[in-house]
Amino acid sequence: MKKRTLILGNSISFAIFASVILLSFTSCREEKSKSDTIIIEKEVQAPKEKESDGTSLSIGSDGVDFSTKNGKKKTEITIED
């Protein structure tokens, strides 16, 4: 009876030990990506700027630009040095 209990206890201990080893190998392995990522770059066209009503003043080294727009009426003045 003791021999049977000893063999059964050793086989259960071995099974638990083997399970722990198997789980440690599977959980610690490095995962590899299954597929490579492909990046496709596409040029984006800038949206056309819609001129809004208002006044604009630009001062630079080559002169001054002044423009106004009110509905369909547009005035532009450029003063150069």
N, C-alpha and C. Protein backbone atom coordinates (compact mmCIF):
# COMPACT_ATOMS: atom_id res chain seq x y z
N MET A 1 0.81 -1.19 0.00
CA MET A 1 0.00 0.00 0.00
C MET A 1 0.86 1.26 0.00
N LYS A 2 1.91 1.27 0.79
CA LYS A 2 2.76 2.45 0.84
C LYS A 2 3.50 2.65 -0.48
N LYS A 3 3.86 1.56 -1.14
CA LYS A 3 4.57 1.66 -2.41
C LYS A 3 3.66 2.29 -3.47
N ARG A 4 2.39 1.89 -3.47
CA ARG A 4 1.42 2.44 -4.42
C ARG A 4 1.21 3.93 -4.16
N THR A 5 1.09 4.34 -2.92
CA THR A 5 0.90 5.74 -2.56
C THR A 5 2.13 6.56 -2.93
N LEU A 6 3.31 5.98 -2.74
CA LEU A 6 4.55 6.66 -3.08
C LEU A 6 4.65 6.89 -4.59
N ILE A 7 4.30 5.89 -5.38
CA ILE A 7 4.37 6.01 -6.84
C ILE A 7 3.33 7.02 -7.32
N LEU A 8 2.12 6.94 -6.77
CA LEU A 8 1.06 7.88 -7.16
C LEU A 8 1.43 9.32 -6.78
N GLY A 9 1.99 9.52 -5.60
CA GLY A 9 2.40 10.86 -5.16
C GLY A 9 3.52 11.42 -6.02
N ASN A 10 4.49 10.55 -6.40
CA ASN A 10 5.59 11.01 -7.25
C ASN A 10 5.10 11.37 -8.65
N SER A 11 4.17 10.58 -9.19
CA SER A 11 3.68 10.87 -10.54
C SER A 11 2.86 12.16 -10.56
N ILE A 12 2.09 12.42 -9.52
CA ILE A 12 1.34 13.68 -9.44
C ILE A 12 2.30 14.85 -9.30
N SER A 13 3.33 14.71 -8.49
CA SER A 13 4.33 15.77 -8.33
C SER A 13 5.04 16.04 -9.65
N PHE A 14 5.37 14.97 -10.38
CA PHE A 14 6.04 15.13 -11.68
C PHE A 14 5.11 15.83 -12.67
N ALA A 15 3.83 15.47 -12.67
CA ALA A 15 2.87 16.10 -13.58
C ALA A 15 2.71 17.58 -13.28
N ILE A 16 2.66 17.94 -12.01
CA ILE A 16 2.55 19.36 -11.63
C ILE A 16 3.82 20.11 -12.03
N PHE A 17 4.97 19.49 -11.80
CA PHE A 17 6.25 20.11 -12.16
C PHE A 17 6.34 20.31 -13.67
N ALA A 18 5.95 19.30 -14.44
CA ALA A 18 5.99 19.39 -15.90
C ALA A 18 5.03 20.47 -16.40
N SER A 19 3.86 20.60 -15.77
CA SER A 19 2.90 21.64 -16.16
C SER A 19 3.45 23.04 -15.89
N VAL A 20 4.12 23.21 -14.75
CA VAL A 20 4.71 24.51 -14.42
C VAL A 20 5.81 24.86 -15.41
N ILE A 21 6.65 23.89 -15.77
CA ILE A 21 7.72 24.13 -16.75
C ILE A 21 7.12 24.49 -18.10
N LEU A 22 6.11 23.76 -18.54
CA LEU A 22 5.47 24.03 -19.83
C LEU A 22 4.84 25.42 -19.86
N LEU A 23 4.16 25.80 -18.80
CA LEU A 23 3.54 27.13 -18.74
C LEU A 23 4.59 28.24 -18.71
N SER A 24 5.69 28.01 -18.04
CA SER A 24 6.73 29.05 -17.98
C SER A 24 7.39 29.25 -19.34
N PHE A 25 7.56 28.16 -20.10
CA PHE A 25 8.14 28.31 -21.44
C PHE A 25 7.18 29.03 -22.38
N THR A 26 5.91 28.72 -22.31
CA THR A 26 4.96 29.34 -23.24
C THR A 26 4.66 30.79 -22.87
N SER A 27 4.70 31.14 -21.60
CA SER A 27 4.38 32.51 -21.22
C SER A 27 5.57 33.45 -21.36
N CYS A 28 6.77 32.95 -21.34
CA CYS A 28 7.94 33.81 -21.39
C CYS A 28 8.56 33.93 -22.77
N ARG A 29 8.04 33.23 -23.74
CA ARG A 29 8.65 33.33 -25.06
C ARG A 29 8.28 34.67 -25.70
N GLU A 30 9.14 35.14 -26.55
CA GLU A 30 8.95 36.43 -27.19
C GLU A 30 7.98 36.27 -28.35
N GLU A 31 6.98 37.14 -28.39
CA GLU A 31 6.01 37.06 -29.47
C GLU A 31 6.54 37.77 -30.69
N LYS A 32 6.36 37.15 -31.82
CA LYS A 32 6.78 37.74 -33.09
C LYS A 32 5.54 38.24 -33.80
N SER A 33 5.70 39.34 -34.48
CA SER A 33 4.55 39.89 -35.20
C SER A 33 4.19 38.96 -36.35
N LYS A 34 2.91 38.77 -36.55
CA LYS A 34 2.45 37.85 -37.58
C LYS A 34 2.50 38.48 -38.96
N SER A 35 2.39 39.80 -39.03
CA SER A 35 2.43 40.46 -40.32
C SER A 35 3.18 41.78 -40.19
N ASP A 36 3.77 42.19 -41.27
CA ASP A 36 4.48 43.46 -41.30
C ASP A 36 3.50 44.57 -41.62
N THR A 37 3.74 45.74 -41.05
CA THR A 37 2.88 46.88 -41.31
C THR A 37 3.38 47.61 -42.56
N ILE A 38 2.49 47.87 -43.47
CA ILE A 38 2.84 48.58 -44.70
C ILE A 38 2.23 49.97 -44.61
N ILE A 39 3.07 50.98 -44.78
CA ILE A 39 2.62 52.37 -44.71
C ILE A 39 2.57 52.93 -46.12
N ILE A 40 1.43 53.43 -46.50
CA ILE A 40 1.26 54.04 -47.82
C ILE A 40 1.08 55.53 -47.61
N GLU A 41 2.00 56.29 -48.18
CA GLU A 41 1.92 57.75 -48.05
C GLU A 41 1.28 58.32 -49.31
N LYS A 42 0.36 59.21 -49.10
CA LYS A 42 -0.35 59.83 -50.21
C LYS A 42 -0.38 61.33 -49.97
N GLU A 43 -0.04 62.07 -51.02
CA GLU A 43 -0.04 63.52 -50.89
C GLU A 43 -1.47 64.03 -50.74
N VAL A 44 -1.63 64.95 -49.83
CA VAL A 44 -2.94 65.54 -49.60
C VAL A 44 -2.93 66.94 -50.19
N GLN A 45 -3.93 67.21 -51.00
CA GLN A 45 -4.03 68.53 -51.60
C GLN A 45 -4.61 69.49 -50.58
N ALA A 46 -3.98 70.65 -50.51
CA ALA A 46 -4.47 71.67 -49.58
C ALA A 46 -5.83 72.18 -50.06
N PRO A 47 -6.75 72.36 -49.16
CA PRO A 47 -8.05 72.87 -49.58
C PRO A 47 -7.92 74.31 -50.10
N LYS A 48 -8.74 74.61 -51.06
CA LYS A 48 -8.70 75.97 -51.62
C LYS A 48 -9.21 76.94 -50.57
N GLU A 49 -8.44 77.99 -50.40
CA GLU A 49 -8.83 79.00 -49.40
C GLU A 49 -9.93 79.89 -49.97
N LYS A 50 -10.97 80.02 -49.22
CA LYS A 50 -12.07 80.87 -49.64
C LYS A 50 -11.82 82.25 -49.03
N GLU A 51 -11.84 83.23 -49.89
CA GLU A 51 -11.61 84.59 -49.40
C GLU A 51 -12.83 85.05 -48.62
N SER A 52 -12.57 85.43 -47.41
CA SER A 52 -13.68 85.93 -46.60
C SER A 52 -13.65 87.46 -46.59
N ASP A 53 -14.76 88.04 -46.23
CA ASP A 53 -14.84 89.49 -46.15
C ASP A 53 -13.97 89.98 -45.00
N GLY A 54 -13.36 91.15 -45.19
CA GLY A 54 -12.55 91.72 -44.12
C GLY A 54 -11.44 92.58 -44.67
N THR A 55 -10.52 92.94 -43.80
CA THR A 55 -9.41 93.82 -44.13
C THR A 55 -8.11 93.12 -43.80
N SER A 56 -7.10 93.30 -44.68
CA SER A 56 -5.80 92.68 -44.47
C SER A 56 -4.72 93.72 -44.69
N LEU A 57 -3.73 93.72 -43.78
CA LEU A 57 -2.59 94.65 -43.87
C LEU A 57 -1.33 93.83 -43.68
N SER A 58 -0.42 93.90 -44.67
CA SER A 58 0.83 93.16 -44.61
C SER A 58 1.98 94.13 -44.80
N ILE A 59 2.90 94.16 -43.81
CA ILE A 59 4.05 95.07 -43.87
C ILE A 59 5.30 94.22 -43.97
N GLY A 60 6.09 94.44 -45.01
CA GLY A 60 7.32 93.69 -45.21
C GLY A 60 8.46 94.60 -45.62
N SER A 61 9.62 94.00 -45.88
CA SER A 61 10.80 94.80 -46.24
C SER A 61 10.67 95.42 -47.63
N ASP A 62 9.79 94.86 -48.48
CA ASP A 62 9.62 95.41 -49.83
C ASP A 62 8.46 96.39 -49.94
N GLY A 63 7.70 96.58 -48.87
CA GLY A 63 6.62 97.55 -48.92
C GLY A 63 5.44 97.15 -48.07
N VAL A 64 4.27 97.77 -48.38
CA VAL A 64 3.05 97.54 -47.61
C VAL A 64 1.95 97.10 -48.57
N ASP A 65 1.20 96.05 -48.18
CA ASP A 65 0.05 95.59 -48.95
C ASP A 65 -1.19 95.78 -48.09
N PHE A 66 -2.22 96.39 -48.67
CA PHE A 66 -3.47 96.62 -47.96
C PHE A 66 -4.60 96.14 -48.87
N SER A 67 -5.50 95.34 -48.31
CA SER A 67 -6.62 94.87 -49.12
C SER A 67 -7.87 94.78 -48.24
N THR A 68 -9.01 95.07 -48.88
CA THR A 68 -10.30 94.94 -48.21
C THR A 68 -11.25 94.21 -49.15
N LYS A 69 -12.23 93.55 -48.56
CA LYS A 69 -13.24 92.86 -49.36
C LYS A 69 -14.56 92.98 -48.63
N ASN A 70 -15.57 93.37 -49.38
CA ASN A 70 -16.92 93.49 -48.85
C ASN A 70 -17.86 92.94 -49.91
N GLY A 71 -18.24 91.66 -49.73
CA GLY A 71 -19.10 91.03 -50.74
C GLY A 71 -18.32 90.83 -52.03
N LYS A 72 -18.86 91.40 -53.14
CA LYS A 72 -18.18 91.27 -54.42
C LYS A 72 -17.16 92.39 -54.64
N LYS A 73 -17.19 93.43 -53.83
CA LYS A 73 -16.30 94.57 -53.99
C LYS A 73 -14.98 94.27 -53.26
N LYS A 74 -13.87 94.39 -54.02
CA LYS A 74 -12.56 94.10 -53.47
C LYS A 74 -11.61 95.23 -53.84
N THR A 75 -10.82 95.71 -52.84
CA THR A 75 -9.85 96.78 -53.07
C THR A 75 -8.49 96.32 -52.59
N GLU A 76 -7.47 96.48 -53.46
CA GLU A 76 -6.10 96.12 -53.09
C GLU A 76 -5.18 97.31 -53.37
N ILE A 77 -4.33 97.64 -52.38
CA ILE A 77 -3.37 98.72 -52.53
C ILE A 77 -2.00 98.19 -52.15
N THR A 78 -1.01 98.45 -53.02
CA THR A 78 0.35 98.02 -52.73
C THR A 78 1.27 99.24 -52.80
N ILE A 79 2.03 99.48 -51.73
CA ILE A 79 2.98 100.58 -51.69
C ILE A 79 4.37 99.96 -51.55
N GLU A 80 5.21 100.20 -52.56
CA GLU A 80 6.55 99.64 -52.58
C GLU A 80 7.60 100.72 -52.42
N ASP A 81 8.70 100.34 -51.82
CA ASP A 81 9.81 101.26 -51.60
C ASP A 81 10.72 101.31 -52.79
